[in-house]
N, C-alpha and C. Protein backbone atom coordinates (compact mmCIF):
# COMPACT_ATOMS: atom_id res chain seq x y z
N MET A 1 -7.03 -4.99 -9.46
CA MET A 1 -7.13 -5.55 -8.13
C MET A 1 -8.44 -6.32 -8.03
N ASN A 2 -8.33 -7.58 -7.59
CA ASN A 2 -9.54 -8.39 -7.49
C ASN A 2 -10.25 -8.16 -6.15
N GLU A 3 -11.38 -8.78 -5.99
CA GLU A 3 -12.22 -8.57 -4.82
C GLU A 3 -11.51 -9.01 -3.53
N GLN A 4 -10.78 -10.10 -3.58
CA GLN A 4 -10.06 -10.57 -2.39
C GLN A 4 -8.96 -9.58 -1.99
N GLN A 5 -8.27 -9.03 -2.97
CA GLN A 5 -7.24 -8.03 -2.66
C GLN A 5 -7.87 -6.77 -2.08
N LYS A 6 -9.05 -6.40 -2.56
CA LYS A 6 -9.74 -5.23 -2.01
C LYS A 6 -10.11 -5.47 -0.54
N THR A 7 -10.56 -6.68 -0.24
CA THR A 7 -10.89 -7.03 1.14
C THR A 7 -9.65 -6.96 2.01
N LEU A 8 -8.54 -7.51 1.52
CA LEU A 8 -7.29 -7.48 2.26
C LEU A 8 -6.81 -6.04 2.45
N GLU A 9 -6.90 -5.23 1.40
CA GLU A 9 -6.49 -3.84 1.49
C GLU A 9 -7.32 -3.09 2.53
N SER A 10 -8.61 -3.30 2.52
CA SER A 10 -9.50 -2.65 3.48
C SER A 10 -9.15 -3.05 4.91
N PHE A 11 -8.91 -4.34 5.12
CA PHE A 11 -8.54 -4.84 6.44
C PHE A 11 -7.23 -4.21 6.92
N LEU A 12 -6.20 -4.28 6.08
CA LEU A 12 -4.90 -3.72 6.46
C LEU A 12 -4.99 -2.22 6.70
N SER A 13 -5.75 -1.54 5.89
CA SER A 13 -5.92 -0.11 6.04
C SER A 13 -6.52 0.24 7.41
N GLU A 14 -7.54 -0.49 7.81
CA GLU A 14 -8.17 -0.24 9.11
C GLU A 14 -7.21 -0.52 10.26
N ILE A 15 -6.45 -1.60 10.17
CA ILE A 15 -5.47 -1.94 11.21
C ILE A 15 -4.44 -0.82 11.34
N ILE A 16 -3.90 -0.40 10.21
CA ILE A 16 -2.82 0.59 10.23
C ILE A 16 -3.34 1.97 10.64
N LYS A 17 -4.54 2.33 10.17
CA LYS A 17 -5.13 3.61 10.58
C LYS A 17 -5.27 3.68 12.09
N GLY A 18 -5.50 2.55 12.72
CA GLY A 18 -5.69 2.51 14.16
C GLY A 18 -4.42 2.71 14.97
N ILE A 19 -3.26 2.58 14.34
CA ILE A 19 -2.02 2.71 15.11
C ILE A 19 -1.14 3.89 14.72
N VAL A 20 -1.39 4.49 13.57
CA VAL A 20 -0.52 5.59 13.12
C VAL A 20 -1.06 6.95 13.56
N THR A 21 -0.18 7.95 13.48
CA THR A 21 -0.59 9.31 13.82
C THR A 21 -1.04 10.09 12.60
N ARG A 22 -0.63 9.64 11.41
CA ARG A 22 -0.97 10.33 10.15
C ARG A 22 -1.69 9.35 9.20
N PRO A 23 -2.93 8.98 9.49
CA PRO A 23 -3.63 8.01 8.64
C PRO A 23 -3.87 8.50 7.22
N ASP A 24 -3.82 9.80 7.00
CA ASP A 24 -4.02 10.35 5.67
C ASP A 24 -2.85 10.06 4.73
N GLN A 25 -1.72 9.62 5.28
CA GLN A 25 -0.53 9.36 4.46
C GLN A 25 -0.29 7.87 4.20
N ILE A 26 -1.25 7.03 4.52
CA ILE A 26 -1.09 5.59 4.26
C ILE A 26 -1.27 5.32 2.77
N GLU A 27 -0.34 4.57 2.20
CA GLU A 27 -0.45 4.11 0.82
C GLU A 27 -0.17 2.62 0.80
N MET A 28 -0.92 1.90 -0.02
CA MET A 28 -0.69 0.47 -0.19
C MET A 28 -0.59 0.16 -1.66
N HIS A 29 0.41 -0.61 -2.00
CA HIS A 29 0.62 -1.01 -3.39
C HIS A 29 0.70 -2.53 -3.44
N PHE A 30 -0.10 -3.12 -4.31
CA PHE A 30 -0.13 -4.58 -4.48
C PHE A 30 0.56 -4.93 -5.79
N THR A 31 1.42 -5.93 -5.73
CA THR A 31 2.09 -6.42 -6.92
C THR A 31 1.95 -7.94 -6.95
N ASP A 32 1.48 -8.47 -8.06
CA ASP A 32 1.41 -9.92 -8.24
C ASP A 32 2.62 -10.37 -9.03
N ARG A 33 3.23 -11.43 -8.56
CA ARG A 33 4.41 -11.98 -9.22
C ARG A 33 4.36 -13.49 -9.21
N LYS A 34 5.18 -14.07 -10.06
CA LYS A 34 5.35 -15.53 -10.05
C LYS A 34 6.78 -15.79 -9.59
N ASP A 35 6.91 -16.55 -8.52
CA ASP A 35 8.21 -16.89 -7.96
C ASP A 35 8.48 -18.36 -8.26
N GLU A 36 9.71 -18.67 -8.59
CA GLU A 36 10.05 -20.05 -8.95
C GLU A 36 9.85 -21.02 -7.80
N THR A 37 10.09 -20.60 -6.58
CA THR A 37 9.96 -21.51 -5.44
C THR A 37 8.61 -21.41 -4.75
N LYS A 38 8.03 -20.22 -4.69
CA LYS A 38 6.78 -20.03 -3.96
C LYS A 38 5.55 -20.02 -4.86
N GLY A 39 5.74 -19.95 -6.15
CA GLY A 39 4.62 -19.91 -7.08
C GLY A 39 4.02 -18.51 -7.17
N GLU A 40 2.70 -18.43 -7.33
CA GLU A 40 2.02 -17.14 -7.41
C GLU A 40 2.14 -16.43 -6.07
N MET A 41 2.52 -15.17 -6.12
CA MET A 41 2.65 -14.42 -4.87
C MET A 41 2.16 -12.99 -5.04
N THR A 42 1.76 -12.41 -3.93
CA THR A 42 1.35 -11.01 -3.89
C THR A 42 2.24 -10.30 -2.89
N ILE A 43 2.81 -9.18 -3.33
CA ILE A 43 3.62 -8.35 -2.45
C ILE A 43 2.79 -7.12 -2.12
N VAL A 44 2.65 -6.84 -0.84
CA VAL A 44 1.94 -5.65 -0.39
C VAL A 44 2.99 -4.73 0.22
N ASN A 45 3.18 -3.58 -0.38
CA ASN A 45 4.12 -2.60 0.11
C ASN A 45 3.31 -1.49 0.79
N ILE A 46 3.49 -1.33 2.09
CA ILE A 46 2.74 -0.34 2.86
C ILE A 46 3.65 0.84 3.16
N LYS A 47 3.22 2.02 2.76
CA LYS A 47 3.98 3.23 3.05
C LYS A 47 3.18 4.07 4.03
N VAL A 48 3.88 4.59 5.03
CA VAL A 48 3.27 5.46 6.02
C VAL A 48 4.16 6.69 6.18
N ALA A 49 3.67 7.69 6.92
CA ALA A 49 4.47 8.88 7.18
C ALA A 49 5.75 8.48 7.91
N ILE A 50 6.80 9.21 7.68
CA ILE A 50 8.11 8.84 8.24
C ILE A 50 8.07 8.70 9.76
N GLU A 51 7.28 9.55 10.43
CA GLU A 51 7.21 9.45 11.89
C GLU A 51 6.41 8.23 12.36
N ASP A 52 5.66 7.61 11.46
CA ASP A 52 4.87 6.43 11.82
C ASP A 52 5.60 5.11 11.53
N ILE A 53 6.73 5.18 10.86
CA ILE A 53 7.46 3.95 10.53
C ILE A 53 7.84 3.16 11.79
N PRO A 54 8.40 3.80 12.83
CA PRO A 54 8.74 3.02 14.03
C PRO A 54 7.51 2.40 14.68
N ILE A 55 6.38 3.08 14.61
CA ILE A 55 5.15 2.55 15.19
C ILE A 55 4.71 1.29 14.44
N CYS A 56 4.79 1.33 13.11
CA CYS A 56 4.33 0.20 12.29
C CYS A 56 5.31 -0.97 12.27
N ILE A 57 6.57 -0.71 12.54
CA ILE A 57 7.55 -1.79 12.57
C ILE A 57 7.67 -2.37 13.98
N GLY A 58 7.72 -1.51 14.99
CA GLY A 58 7.79 -1.96 16.37
C GLY A 58 9.19 -2.43 16.74
N ALA A 59 9.39 -2.67 18.02
CA ALA A 59 10.69 -3.12 18.52
C ALA A 59 11.01 -4.50 17.96
N GLY A 60 12.10 -4.57 17.22
CA GLY A 60 12.50 -5.85 16.63
C GLY A 60 11.55 -6.36 15.57
N GLY A 61 10.70 -5.48 15.05
CA GLY A 61 9.76 -5.88 14.00
C GLY A 61 8.51 -6.57 14.50
N THR A 62 8.22 -6.44 15.79
CA THR A 62 7.08 -7.16 16.37
C THR A 62 5.74 -6.71 15.80
N VAL A 63 5.56 -5.41 15.59
CA VAL A 63 4.28 -4.91 15.06
C VAL A 63 4.13 -5.32 13.60
N ALA A 64 5.19 -5.16 12.82
CA ALA A 64 5.15 -5.56 11.41
C ALA A 64 4.84 -7.06 11.30
N ASP A 65 5.44 -7.85 12.18
CA ASP A 65 5.16 -9.29 12.21
C ASP A 65 3.69 -9.57 12.50
N ALA A 66 3.15 -8.84 13.46
CA ALA A 66 1.74 -9.03 13.81
C ALA A 66 0.83 -8.65 12.63
N ILE A 67 1.17 -7.57 11.94
CA ILE A 67 0.39 -7.14 10.77
C ILE A 67 0.44 -8.25 9.71
N ARG A 68 1.63 -8.81 9.48
CA ARG A 68 1.77 -9.90 8.50
C ARG A 68 0.93 -11.11 8.89
N ARG A 69 0.98 -11.49 10.15
CA ARG A 69 0.22 -12.67 10.61
C ARG A 69 -1.28 -12.45 10.46
N LEU A 70 -1.74 -11.25 10.80
CA LEU A 70 -3.17 -10.95 10.63
C LEU A 70 -3.56 -10.99 9.15
N ALA A 71 -2.70 -10.47 8.30
CA ALA A 71 -2.98 -10.48 6.85
C ALA A 71 -3.09 -11.92 6.35
N VAL A 72 -2.21 -12.79 6.80
CA VAL A 72 -2.25 -14.20 6.39
C VAL A 72 -3.54 -14.86 6.88
N MET A 73 -3.94 -14.53 8.11
CA MET A 73 -5.18 -15.10 8.64
C MET A 73 -6.39 -14.67 7.81
N VAL A 74 -6.42 -13.40 7.43
CA VAL A 74 -7.52 -12.91 6.59
C VAL A 74 -7.51 -13.60 5.24
N CYS A 75 -6.32 -13.78 4.66
CA CYS A 75 -6.21 -14.47 3.37
C CYS A 75 -6.78 -15.88 3.45
N LYS A 76 -6.48 -16.58 4.52
CA LYS A 76 -7.01 -17.94 4.69
C LYS A 76 -8.53 -17.91 4.80
N LYS A 77 -9.05 -16.92 5.53
CA LYS A 77 -10.50 -16.83 5.72
C LYS A 77 -11.24 -16.53 4.42
N ILE A 78 -10.65 -15.67 3.57
CA ILE A 78 -11.34 -15.28 2.33
C ILE A 78 -10.97 -16.17 1.15
N GLY A 79 -10.09 -17.15 1.38
CA GLY A 79 -9.74 -18.09 0.32
C GLY A 79 -8.71 -17.57 -0.66
N TYR A 80 -7.90 -16.63 -0.24
CA TYR A 80 -6.84 -16.08 -1.10
C TYR A 80 -5.66 -17.03 -1.02
N ASP A 81 -5.36 -17.72 -2.12
CA ASP A 81 -4.39 -18.81 -2.06
C ASP A 81 -2.99 -18.48 -2.55
N LYS A 82 -2.72 -17.22 -2.87
CA LYS A 82 -1.37 -16.85 -3.29
C LYS A 82 -0.49 -16.64 -2.06
N TYR A 83 0.81 -16.86 -2.22
CA TYR A 83 1.76 -16.55 -1.17
C TYR A 83 1.73 -15.04 -0.95
N LEU A 84 1.75 -14.61 0.30
CA LEU A 84 1.62 -13.19 0.63
C LEU A 84 2.87 -12.70 1.33
N PHE A 85 3.39 -11.56 0.87
CA PHE A 85 4.50 -10.89 1.53
C PHE A 85 4.08 -9.46 1.79
N VAL A 86 4.07 -9.07 3.07
CA VAL A 86 3.67 -7.72 3.46
C VAL A 86 4.91 -7.00 3.98
N ARG A 87 5.14 -5.83 3.43
CA ARG A 87 6.34 -5.06 3.81
C ARG A 87 5.93 -3.65 4.21
N VAL A 88 6.38 -3.23 5.39
CA VAL A 88 6.19 -1.85 5.83
C VAL A 88 7.43 -1.09 5.40
N ASP A 89 7.24 0.02 4.70
CA ASP A 89 8.35 0.80 4.19
C ASP A 89 9.27 1.24 5.32
N ALA A 90 10.55 1.03 5.12
CA ALA A 90 11.55 1.42 6.11
C ALA A 90 12.55 2.37 5.46
N PRO A 91 13.04 3.35 6.19
CA PRO A 91 13.92 4.35 5.57
C PRO A 91 15.24 3.78 5.07
N ARG A 92 15.71 2.67 5.60
CA ARG A 92 16.98 2.11 5.16
C ARG A 92 16.87 1.36 3.84
N MET A 93 15.66 1.05 3.43
CA MET A 93 15.46 0.31 2.19
C MET A 93 15.37 1.30 1.03
N PRO A 94 15.99 0.99 -0.09
CA PRO A 94 15.85 1.90 -1.24
C PRO A 94 14.41 1.91 -1.74
N ASN A 95 13.99 3.03 -2.33
CA ASN A 95 12.61 3.17 -2.81
C ASN A 95 12.24 2.11 -3.82
N ASN A 96 13.20 1.61 -4.59
CA ASN A 96 12.88 0.63 -5.61
C ASN A 96 13.13 -0.80 -5.16
N TYR A 97 13.15 -1.03 -3.85
CA TYR A 97 13.40 -2.37 -3.34
C TYR A 97 12.38 -3.36 -3.91
N PHE A 98 11.14 -2.95 -3.97
CA PHE A 98 10.11 -3.72 -4.65
C PHE A 98 9.48 -2.83 -5.69
N GLU A 99 9.37 -3.33 -6.88
CA GLU A 99 8.65 -2.59 -7.89
C GLU A 99 7.16 -2.78 -7.62
N PHE A 100 6.39 -1.77 -7.88
CA PHE A 100 4.95 -1.91 -7.69
C PHE A 100 4.22 -1.05 -8.71
N ASP A 101 3.01 -1.48 -9.00
CA ASP A 101 2.17 -0.76 -9.94
C ASP A 101 1.31 0.21 -9.15
N ASN A 102 1.08 1.36 -9.71
CA ASN A 102 0.19 2.33 -9.06
C ASN A 102 -1.24 2.06 -9.44
């Protein structure tokens, strides 16, 4: 993980800790990939306690959208030029929906 990803992780961690009830169960996994259409990209998979999933996703995905927008703004500020995809773990998605490195 490079310095920019550490900054992004720290930022996202603070945002999510502020809204969840179980901050001790937050996990973030970063995966770098090359996509044919988007080029270099980073996937951030955020896992929270099952009871915090509705809080992090929000009605119609509004909270998850806000988290994504803030993450993109931070990336622009720190000069992180890869395409960014932020995903909050949802129970309907299979565990292997995105592969990630520990």
